[in-house]
Amino acid sequence: MADQDVDKLRKEMDQLRNDMRTITETLKTMAVDRGERGYEQVRASVDQARDGARRASQAVESQIEDKPFSSVLLTFVVGLITGLLVQSRR
């Protein structure tokens, strides 16, 4: 009777090992899948931000080309105000 119990316990332990192996493989697959989806989302966000920055840069270039005197004057005024603010904080 004791031998039967030991054999039964061994079979159950083997089944538990197989179940744990299957669970581990499933969790690994799920983690890889989530990682890939996260990477794709980050990549899409970076591409979107890059496109936005490119469009903004082109808009600024266009504005400068259309109105060069106004652009220089605006840059001068912004620099002057920034210099006054920095100087007043010292």
PDB file of N, CA and C in Angstrom:
ATOM      1  N   MET A   1       0.809  -1.178   0.000  1.00  0.00           N
ATOM      2  CA  MET A   1       0.000   0.000   0.000  1.00  0.00           C
ATOM      3  C   MET A   1       0.866   1.260   0.000  1.00  0.00           C
ATOM      4  N   ALA A   2       1.950   1.241   0.755  1.00  0.00           N
ATOM      5  CA  ALA A   2       2.827   2.393   0.821  1.00  0.00           C
ATOM      6  C   ALA A   2       3.488   2.631  -0.529  1.00  0.00           C
ATOM      7  N   ASP A   3       3.819   1.540  -1.250  1.00  0.00           N
ATOM      8  CA  ASP A   3       4.436   1.691  -2.572  1.00  0.00           C
ATOM      9  C   ASP A   3       3.470   2.338  -3.553  1.00  0.00           C
ATOM     10  N   GLN A   4       2.197   1.985  -3.442  1.00  0.00           N
ATOM     11  CA  GLN A   4       1.187   2.575  -4.320  1.00  0.00           C
ATOM     12  C   GLN A   4       1.032   4.070  -4.038  1.00  0.00           C
ATOM     13  N   ASP A   5       1.067   4.433  -2.768  1.00  0.00           N
ATOM     14  CA  ASP A   5       0.952   5.843  -2.395  1.00  0.00           C
ATOM     15  C   ASP A   5       2.154   6.643  -2.901  1.00  0.00           C
ATOM     16  N   VAL A   6       3.343   6.037  -2.804  1.00  0.00           N
ATOM     17  CA  VAL A   6       4.554   6.705  -3.276  1.00  0.00           C
ATOM     18  C   VAL A   6       4.489   6.870  -4.792  1.00  0.00           C
ATOM     19  N   ASP A   7       4.051   5.836  -5.504  1.00  0.00           N
ATOM     20  CA  ASP A   7       3.925   5.925  -6.968  1.00  0.00           C
ATOM     21  C   ASP A   7       2.891   6.984  -7.361  1.00  0.00           C
ATOM     22  N   LYS A   8       1.789   7.004  -6.633  1.00  0.00           N
ATOM     23  CA  LYS A   8       0.747   7.993  -6.912  1.00  0.00           C
ATOM     24  C   LYS A   8       1.280   9.411  -6.666  1.00  0.00           C
ATOM     25  N   LEU A   9       2.021   9.573  -5.588  1.00  0.00           N
ATOM     26  CA  LEU A   9       2.601  10.876  -5.259  1.00  0.00           C
ATOM     27  C   LEU A   9       3.608  11.301  -6.339  1.00  0.00           C
ATOM     28  N   ARG A  10       4.411  10.355  -6.833  1.00  0.00           N
ATOM     29  CA  ARG A  10       5.369  10.655  -7.899  1.00  0.00           C
ATOM     30  C   ARG A  10       4.647  11.106  -9.178  1.00  0.00           C
ATOM     31  N   LYS A  11       3.582  10.406  -9.523  1.00  0.00           N
ATOM     32  CA  LYS A  11       2.818  10.772 -10.716  1.00  0.00           C
ATOM     33  C   LYS A  11       2.216  12.170 -10.562  1.00  0.00           C
ATOM     34  N   GLU A  12       1.700  12.456  -9.401  1.00  0.00           N
ATOM     35  CA  GLU A  12       1.115  13.779  -9.158  1.00  0.00           C
ATOM     36  C   GLU A  12       2.194  14.864  -9.205  1.00  0.00           C
ATOM     37  N   MET A  13       3.373  14.576  -8.676  1.00  0.00           N
ATOM     38  CA  MET A  13       4.480  15.535  -8.717  1.00  0.00           C
ATOM     39  C   MET A  13       4.919  15.771 -10.173  1.00  0.00           C
ATOM     40  N   ASP A  14       4.979  14.693 -10.956  1.00  0.00           N
ATOM     41  CA  ASP A  14       5.326  14.850 -12.373  1.00  0.00           C
ATOM     42  C   ASP A  14       4.283  15.704 -13.089  1.00  0.00           C
ATOM     43  N   GLN A  15       3.018  15.477 -12.776  1.00  0.00           N
ATOM     44  CA  GLN A  15       1.953  16.266 -13.390  1.00  0.00           C
ATOM     45  C   GLN A  15       2.072  17.741 -12.969  1.00  0.00           C
ATOM     46  N   LEU A  16       2.386  17.986 -11.697  1.00  0.00           N
ATOM     47  CA  LEU A  16       2.581  19.357 -11.226  1.00  0.00           C
ATOM     48  C   LEU A  16       3.748  20.025 -11.941  1.00  0.00           C
ATOM     49  N   ARG A  17       4.844  19.306 -12.140  1.00  0.00           N
ATOM     50  CA  ARG A  17       5.988  19.859 -12.868  1.00  0.00           C
ATOM     51  C   ARG A  17       5.598  20.230 -14.301  1.00  0.00           C
ATOM     52  N   ASN A  18       4.871  19.342 -14.952  1.00  0.00           N
ATOM     53  CA  ASN A  18       4.429  19.624 -16.318  1.00  0.00           C
ATOM     54  C   ASN A  18       3.489  20.833 -16.348  1.00  0.00           C
ATOM     55  N   ASP A  19       2.581  20.911 -15.387  1.00  0.00           N
ATOM     56  CA  ASP A  19       1.662  22.050 -15.324  1.00  0.00           C
ATOM     57  C   ASP A  19       2.435  23.350 -15.086  1.00  0.00           C
ATOM     58  N   MET A  20       3.409  23.320 -14.202  1.00  0.00           N
ATOM     59  CA  MET A  20       4.212  24.518 -13.921  1.00  0.00           C
ATOM     60  C   MET A  20       5.019  24.926 -15.159  1.00  0.00           C
ATOM     61  N   ARG A  21       5.541  23.960 -15.878  1.00  0.00           N
ATOM     62  CA  ARG A  21       6.289  24.239 -17.099  1.00  0.00           C
ATOM     63  C   ARG A  21       5.372  24.910 -18.130  1.00  0.00           C
ATOM     64  N   THR A  22       4.161  24.394 -18.269  1.00  0.00           N
ATOM     65  CA  THR A  22       3.192  24.972 -19.205  1.00  0.00           C
ATOM     66  C   THR A  22       2.813  26.387 -18.789  1.00  0.00           C
ATOM     67  N   ILE A  23       2.573  26.593 -17.502  1.00  0.00           N
ATOM     68  CA  ILE A  23       2.232  27.925 -16.994  1.00  0.00           C
ATOM     69  C   ILE A  23       3.380  28.897 -17.241  1.00  0.00           C
ATOM     70  N   THR A  24       4.588  28.464 -16.981  1.00  0.00           N
ATOM     71  CA  THR A  24       5.763  29.311 -17.184  1.00  0.00           C
ATOM     72  C   THR A  24       5.908  29.700 -18.651  1.00  0.00           C
ATOM     73  N   GLU A  25       5.726  28.754 -19.545  1.00  0.00           N
ATOM     74  CA  GLU A  25       5.820  29.048 -20.976  1.00  0.00           C
ATOM     75  C   GLU A  25       4.722  30.018 -21.414  1.00  0.00           C
ATOM     76  N   THR A  26       3.525  29.840 -20.885  1.00  0.00           N
ATOM     77  CA  THR A  26       2.420  30.737 -21.221  1.00  0.00           C
ATOM     78  C   THR A  26       2.702  32.146 -20.724  1.00  0.00           C
ATOM     79  N   LEU A  27       3.181  32.270 -19.508  1.00  0.00           N
ATOM     80  CA  LEU A  27       3.517  33.590 -18.956  1.00  0.00           C
ATOM     81  C   LEU A  27       4.636  34.250 -19.757  1.00  0.00           C
ATOM     82  N   LYS A  28       5.601  33.469 -20.169  1.00  0.00           N
ATOM     83  CA  LYS A  28       6.710  34.003 -20.969  1.00  0.00           C
ATOM     84  C   LYS A  28       6.180  34.530 -22.299  1.00  0.00           C
ATOM     85  N   THR A  29       5.322  33.762 -22.939  1.00  0.00           N
ATOM     86  CA  THR A  29       4.734  34.184 -24.208  1.00  0.00           C
ATOM     87  C   THR A  29       3.919  35.464 -24.035  1.00  0.00           C
ATOM     88  N   MET A  30       3.154  35.540 -22.963  1.00  0.00           N
ATOM     89  CA  MET A  30       2.349  36.733 -22.694  1.00  0.00           C
ATOM     90  C   MET A  30       3.239  37.949 -22.469  1.00  0.00           C
ATOM     91  N   ALA A  31       4.323  37.774 -21.733  1.00  0.00           N
ATOM     92  CA  ALA A  31       5.237  38.888 -21.457  1.00  0.00           C
ATOM     93  C   ALA A  31       5.902  39.380 -22.737  1.00  0.00           C
ATOM     94  N   VAL A  32       6.319  38.468 -23.582  1.00  0.00           N
ATOM     95  CA  VAL A  32       6.949  38.850 -24.846  1.00  0.00           C
ATOM     96  C   VAL A  32       5.949  39.605 -25.717  1.00  0.00           C
ATOM     97  N   ASP A  33       4.718  39.113 -25.760  1.00  0.00           N
ATOM     98  CA  ASP A  33       3.685  39.756 -26.570  1.00  0.00           C
ATOM     99  C   ASP A  33       3.391  41.168 -26.074  1.00  0.00           C
ATOM    100  N   ARG A  34       3.280  41.332 -24.776  1.00  0.00           N
ATOM    101  CA  ARG A  34       3.045  42.666 -24.210  1.00  0.00           C
ATOM    102  C   ARG A  34       4.227  43.590 -24.470  1.00  0.00           C
ATOM    103  N   GLY A  35       5.423  43.063 -24.351  1.00  0.00           N
ATOM    104  CA  GLY A  35       6.616  43.861 -24.619  1.00  0.00           C
ATOM    105  C   GLY A  35       6.658  44.342 -26.059  1.00  0.00           C
ATOM    106  N   GLU A  36       6.309  43.462 -26.971  1.00  0.00           N
ATOM    107  CA  GLU A  36       6.293  43.844 -28.383  1.00  0.00           C
ATOM    108  C   GLU A  36       5.229  44.905 -28.653  1.00  0.00           C
ATOM    109  N   ARG A  37       4.048  44.743 -28.052  1.00  0.00           N
ATOM    110  CA  ARG A  37       2.995  45.747 -28.242  1.00  0.00           C
ATOM    111  C   ARG A  37       3.407  47.085 -27.647  1.00  0.00           C
ATOM    112  N   GLY A  38       4.034  47.060 -26.483  1.00  0.00           N
ATOM    113  CA  GLY A  38       4.510  48.298 -25.865  1.00  0.00           C
ATOM    114  C   GLY A  38       5.562  48.978 -26.714  1.00  0.00           C
ATOM    115  N   TYR A  39       6.463  48.197 -27.273  1.00  0.00           N
ATOM    116  CA  TYR A  39       7.506  48.749 -28.140  1.00  0.00           C
ATOM    117  C   TYR A  39       6.882  49.414 -29.360  1.00  0.00           C
ATOM    118  N   GLU A  40       5.900  48.765 -29.953  1.00  0.00           N
ATOM    119  CA  GLU A  40       5.243  49.327 -31.134  1.00  0.00           C
ATOM    120  C   GLU A  40       4.518  50.627 -30.792  1.00  0.00           C
ATOM    121  N   GLN A  41       3.897  50.690 -29.612  1.00  0.00           N
ATOM    122  CA  GLN A  41       3.209  51.916 -29.203  1.00  0.00           C
ATOM    123  C   GLN A  41       4.210  53.052 -28.999  1.00  0.00           C
ATOM    124  N   VAL A  42       5.325  52.754 -28.362  1.00  0.00           N
ATOM    125  CA  VAL A  42       6.355  53.782 -28.149  1.00  0.00           C
ATOM    126  C   VAL A  42       6.923  54.232 -29.497  1.00  0.00           C
ATOM    127  N   ARG A  43       7.157  53.292 -30.361  1.00  0.00           N
ATOM    128  CA  ARG A  43       7.696  53.627 -31.682  1.00  0.00           C
ATOM    129  C   ARG A  43       6.735  54.512 -32.466  1.00  0.00           C
ATOM    130  N   ALA A  44       5.445  54.205 -32.403  1.00  0.00           N
ATOM    131  CA  ALA A  44       4.446  55.022 -33.098  1.00  0.00           C
ATOM    132  C   ALA A  44       4.394  56.423 -32.502  1.00  0.00           C
ATOM    133  N   SER A  45       4.498  56.520 -31.180  1.00  0.00           N
ATOM    134  CA  SER A  45       4.486  57.835 -30.525  1.00  0.00           C
ATOM    135  C   SER A  45       5.709  58.658 -30.919  1.00  0.00           C
ATOM    136  N   VAL A  46       6.857  58.020 -30.989  1.00  0.00           N
ATOM    137  CA  VAL A  46       8.083  58.724 -31.387  1.00  0.00           C
ATOM    138  C   VAL A  46       7.967  59.209 -32.827  1.00  0.00           C
ATOM    139  N   ASP A  47       7.438  58.361 -33.691  1.00  0.00           N
ATOM    140  CA  ASP A  47       7.258  58.770 -35.091  1.00  0.00           C
ATOM    141  C   ASP A  47       6.298  59.951 -35.189  1.00  0.00           C
ATOM    142  N   GLN A  48       5.229  59.905 -34.413  1.00  0.00           N
ATOM    143  CA  GLN A  48       4.253  60.994 -34.421  1.00  0.00           C
ATOM    144  C   GLN A  48       4.885  62.290 -33.907  1.00  0.00           C
ATOM    145  N   ALA A  49       5.655  62.201 -32.836  1.00  0.00           N
ATOM    146  CA  ALA A  49       6.324  63.387 -32.291  1.00  0.00           C
ATOM    147  C   ALA A  49       7.335  63.936 -33.290  1.00  0.00           C
ATOM    148  N   ARG A  50       8.060  63.062 -33.959  1.00  0.00           N
ATOM    149  CA  ARG A  50       9.040  63.489 -34.957  1.00  0.00           C
ATOM    150  C   ARG A  50       8.346  64.225 -36.108  1.00  0.00           C
ATOM    151  N   ASP A  51       7.212  63.689 -36.551  1.00  0.00           N
ATOM    152  CA  ASP A  51       6.467  64.352 -37.625  1.00  0.00           C
ATOM    153  C   ASP A  51       5.958  65.717 -37.185  1.00  0.00           C
ATOM    154  N   GLY A  52       5.473  65.799 -35.945  1.00  0.00           N
ATOM    155  CA  GLY A  52       5.009  67.088 -35.420  1.00  0.00           C
ATOM    156  C   GLY A  52       6.136  68.105 -35.340  1.00  0.00           C
ATOM    157  N   ALA A  53       7.293  67.675 -34.890  1.00  0.00           N
ATOM    158  CA  ALA A  53       8.446  68.577 -34.803  1.00  0.00           C
ATOM    159  C   ALA A  53       8.882  69.025 -36.196  1.00  0.00           C
ATOM    160  N   ARG A  54       8.840  68.109 -37.143  1.00  0.00           N
ATOM    161  CA  ARG A  54       9.223  68.457 -38.510  1.00  0.00           C
ATOM    162  C   ARG A  54       8.253  69.491 -39.088  1.00  0.00           C
ATOM    163  N   ARG A  55       6.944  69.291 -38.857  1.00  0.00           N
ATOM    164  CA  ARG A  55       5.961  70.255 -39.352  1.00  0.00           C
ATOM    165  C   ARG A  55       6.126  71.616 -38.686  1.00  0.00           C
ATOM    166  N   ALA A  56       6.396  71.613 -37.386  1.00  0.00           N
ATOM    167  CA  ALA A  56       6.603  72.881 -36.673  1.00  0.00           C
ATOM    168  C   ALA A  56       7.838  73.598 -37.196  1.00  0.00           C
ATOM    169  N   SER A  57       8.881  72.856 -37.456  1.00  0.00           N
ATOM    170  CA  SER A  57      10.114  73.442 -37.992  1.00  0.00           C
ATOM    171  C   SER A  57       9.868  74.047 -39.373  1.00  0.00           C
ATOM    172  N   GLN A  58       9.130  73.345 -40.178  1.00  0.00           N
ATOM    173  CA  GLN A  58       8.817  73.861 -41.512  1.00  0.00           C
ATOM    174  C   GLN A  58       7.950  75.111 -41.424  1.00  0.00           C
ATOM    175  N   ALA A  59       7.018  75.137 -40.459  1.00  0.00           N
ATOM    176  CA  ALA A  59       6.167  76.316 -40.297  1.00  0.00           C
ATOM    177  C   ALA A  59       6.992  77.526 -39.874  1.00  0.00           C
ATOM    178  N   VAL A  60       7.950  77.312 -38.971  1.00  0.00           N
ATOM    179  CA  VAL A  60       8.818  78.418 -38.534  1.00  0.00           C
ATOM    180  C   VAL A  60       9.673  78.902 -39.699  1.00  0.00           C
ATOM    181  N   GLU A  61      10.239  77.975 -40.458  1.00  0.00           N
ATOM    182  CA  GLU A  61      11.044  78.363 -41.617  1.00  0.00           C
ATOM    183  C   GLU A  61      10.207  79.165 -42.619  1.00  0.00           C
ATOM    184  N   SER A  62       9.007  78.716 -42.842  1.00  0.00           N
ATOM    185  CA  SER A  62       8.126  79.414 -43.777  1.00  0.00           C
ATOM    186  C   SER A  62       7.811  80.819 -43.283  1.00  0.00           C
ATOM    187  N   GLN A  63       7.539  80.944 -41.992  1.00  0.00           N
ATOM    188  CA  GLN A  63       7.240  82.250 -41.395  1.00  0.00           C
ATOM    189  C   GLN A  63       8.444  83.185 -41.529  1.00  0.00           C
ATOM    190  N   ILE A  64       9.630  82.662 -41.281  1.00  0.00           N
ATOM    191  CA  ILE A  64      10.840  83.484 -41.383  1.00  0.00           C
ATOM    192  C   ILE A  64      11.067  83.921 -42.834  1.00  0.00           C
ATOM    193  N   GLU A  65      10.836  83.005 -43.769  1.00  0.00           N
ATOM    194  CA  GLU A  65      11.022  83.354 -45.179  1.00  0.00           C
ATOM    195  C   GLU A  65       9.993  84.376 -45.648  1.00  0.00           C
ATOM    196  N   ASP A  66       8.756  84.258 -45.147  1.00  0.00           N
ATOM    197  CA  ASP A  66       7.693  85.179 -45.556  1.00  0.00           C
ATOM    198  C   ASP A  66       7.885  86.575 -44.971  1.00  0.00           C
ATOM    199  N   LYS A  67       8.321  86.628 -43.731  1.00  0.00           N
ATOM    200  CA  LYS A  67       8.457  87.920 -43.034  1.00  0.00           C
ATOM    201  C   LYS A  67       9.791  87.993 -42.302  1.00  0.00           C
ATOM    202  N   PRO A  68      10.869  88.183 -43.008  1.00  0.00           N
ATOM    203  CA  PRO A  68      12.191  88.160 -42.364  1.00  0.00           C
ATOM    204  C   PRO A  68      12.392  89.306 -41.373  1.00  0.00           C
ATOM    205  N   PHE A  69      11.943  90.517 -41.709  1.00  0.00           N
ATOM    206  CA  PHE A  69      12.144  91.645 -40.797  1.00  0.00           C
ATOM    207  C   PHE A  69      11.375  91.437 -39.496  1.00  0.00           C
ATOM    208  N   SER A  70      10.119  91.009 -39.591  1.00  0.00           N
ATOM    209  CA  SER A  70       9.311  90.756 -38.391  1.00  0.00           C
ATOM    210  C   SER A  70       9.937  89.653 -37.542  1.00  0.00           C
ATOM    211  N   SER A  71      10.478  88.634 -38.199  1.00  0.00           N
ATOM    212  CA  SER A  71      11.100  87.526 -37.468  1.00  0.00           C
ATOM    213  C   SER A  71      12.323  87.994 -36.705  1.00  0.00           C
ATOM    214  N   VAL A  72      13.159  88.815 -37.341  1.00  0.00           N
ATOM    215  CA  VAL A  72      14.353  89.338 -36.671  1.00  0.00           C
ATOM    216  C   VAL A  72      13.947  90.234 -35.511  1.00  0.00           C
ATOM    217  N   LEU A  73      12.959  91.081 -35.729  1.00  0.00           N
ATOM    218  CA  LEU A  73      12.487  91.981 -34.675  1.00  0.00           C
ATOM    219  C   LEU A  73      11.913  91.186 -33.498  1.00  0.00           C
ATOM    220  N   LEU A  74      11.119  90.188 -33.789  1.00  0.00           N
ATOM    221  CA  LEU A  74      10.536  89.355 -32.732  1.00  0.00           C
ATOM    222  C   LEU A  74      11.630  88.632 -31.952  1.00  0.00           C
ATOM    223  N   THR A  75      12.619  88.101 -32.644  1.00  0.00           N
ATOM    224  CA  THR A  75      13.740  87.419 -31.978  1.00  0.00           C
ATOM    225  C   THR A  75      14.494  88.388 -31.081  1.00  0.00           C
ATOM    226  N   PHE A  76      14.716  89.579 -31.552  1.00  0.00           N
ATOM    227  CA  PHE A  76      15.403  90.594 -30.755  1.00  0.00           C
ATOM    228  C   PHE A  76      14.616  90.914 -29.487  1.00  0.00           C
ATOM    229  N   VAL A  77      13.308  91.108 -29.620  1.00  0.00           N
ATOM    230  CA  VAL A  77      12.462  91.445 -28.468  1.00  0.00           C
ATOM    231  C   VAL A  77      12.437  90.295 -27.460  1.00  0.00           C
ATOM    232  N   VAL A  78      12.302  89.082 -27.944  1.00  0.00           N
ATOM    233  CA  VAL A  78      12.301  87.925 -27.039  1.00  0.00           C
ATOM    234  C   VAL A  78      13.644  87.824 -26.328  1.00  0.00           C
ATOM    235  N   GLY A  79      14.733  88.029 -27.028  1.00  0.00           N
ATOM    236  CA  GLY A  79      16.054  87.996 -26.407  1.00  0.00           C
ATOM    237  C   GLY A  79      16.226  89.100 -25.383  1.00  0.00           C
ATOM    238  N   LEU A  80      15.718  90.276 -25.698  1.00  0.00           N
ATOM    239  CA  LEU A  80      15.793  91.404 -24.769  1.00  0.00           C
ATOM    240  C   LEU A  80      15.008  91.115 -23.486  1.00  0.00           C
ATOM    241  N   ILE A  81      13.812  90.620 -23.633  1.00  0.00           N
ATOM    242  CA  ILE A  81      12.984  90.298 -22.463  1.00  0.00           C
ATOM    243  C   ILE A  81      13.630  89.188 -21.640  1.00  0.00           C
ATOM    244  N   THR A  82      14.147  88.179 -22.303  1.00  0.00           N
ATOM    245  CA  THR A  82      14.812  87.095 -21.596  1.00  0.00           C
ATOM    246  C   THR A  82      16.024  87.614 -20.832  1.00  0.00           C
ATOM    247  N   GLY A  83      16.798  88.477 -21.478  1.00  0.00           N
ATOM    248  CA  GLY A  83      17.971  89.059 -20.805  1.00  0.00           C
ATOM    249  C   GLY A  83      17.581  89.885 -19.588  1.00  0.00           C
ATOM    250  N   LEU A  84      16.510  90.659 -19.705  1.00  0.00           N
ATOM    251  CA  LEU A  84      16.051  91.451 -18.551  1.00  0.00           C
ATOM    252  C   LEU A  84      15.570  90.560 -17.418  1.00  0.00           C
ATOM    253  N   LEU A  85      14.852  89.504 -17.755  1.00  0.00           N
ATOM    254  CA  LEU A  85      14.382  88.590 -16.710  1.00  0.00           C
ATOM    255  C   LEU A  85      15.539  87.889 -16.012  1.00  0.00           C
ATOM    256  N   VAL A  86      16.522  87.453 -16.778  1.00  0.00           N
ATOM    257  CA  VAL A  86      17.675  86.778 -16.184  1.00  0.00           C
ATOM    258  C   VAL A  86      18.472  87.740 -15.343  1.00  0.00           C
ATOM    259  N   GLN A  87      18.630  88.966 -15.816  1.00  0.00           N
ATOM    260  CA  GLN A  87      19.405  89.949 -15.081  1.00  0.00           C
ATOM    261  C   GLN A  87      18.705  90.361 -13.781  1.00  0.00           C
ATOM    262  N   SER A  88      17.390  90.426 -13.795  1.00  0.00           N
ATOM    263  CA  SER A  88      16.662  90.832 -12.587  1.00  0.00           C
ATOM    264  C   SER A  88      16.691  89.755 -11.511  1.00  0.00           C
ATOM    265  N   ARG A  89      16.945  88.518 -11.861  1.00  0.00           N
ATOM    266  CA  ARG A  89      16.996  87.419 -10.896  1.00  0.00           C
ATOM    267  C   ARG A  89      18.344  87.338 -10.199  1.00  0.00           C
ATOM    268  N   ARG A  90      19.328  88.014 -10.681  1.00  0.00           N
ATOM    269  CA  ARG A  90      20.667  87.939 -10.074  1.00  0.00           C
ATOM    270  C   ARG A  90      20.792  88.823  -8.900  1.00  0.00           C
TER     271      ARG A  90
END
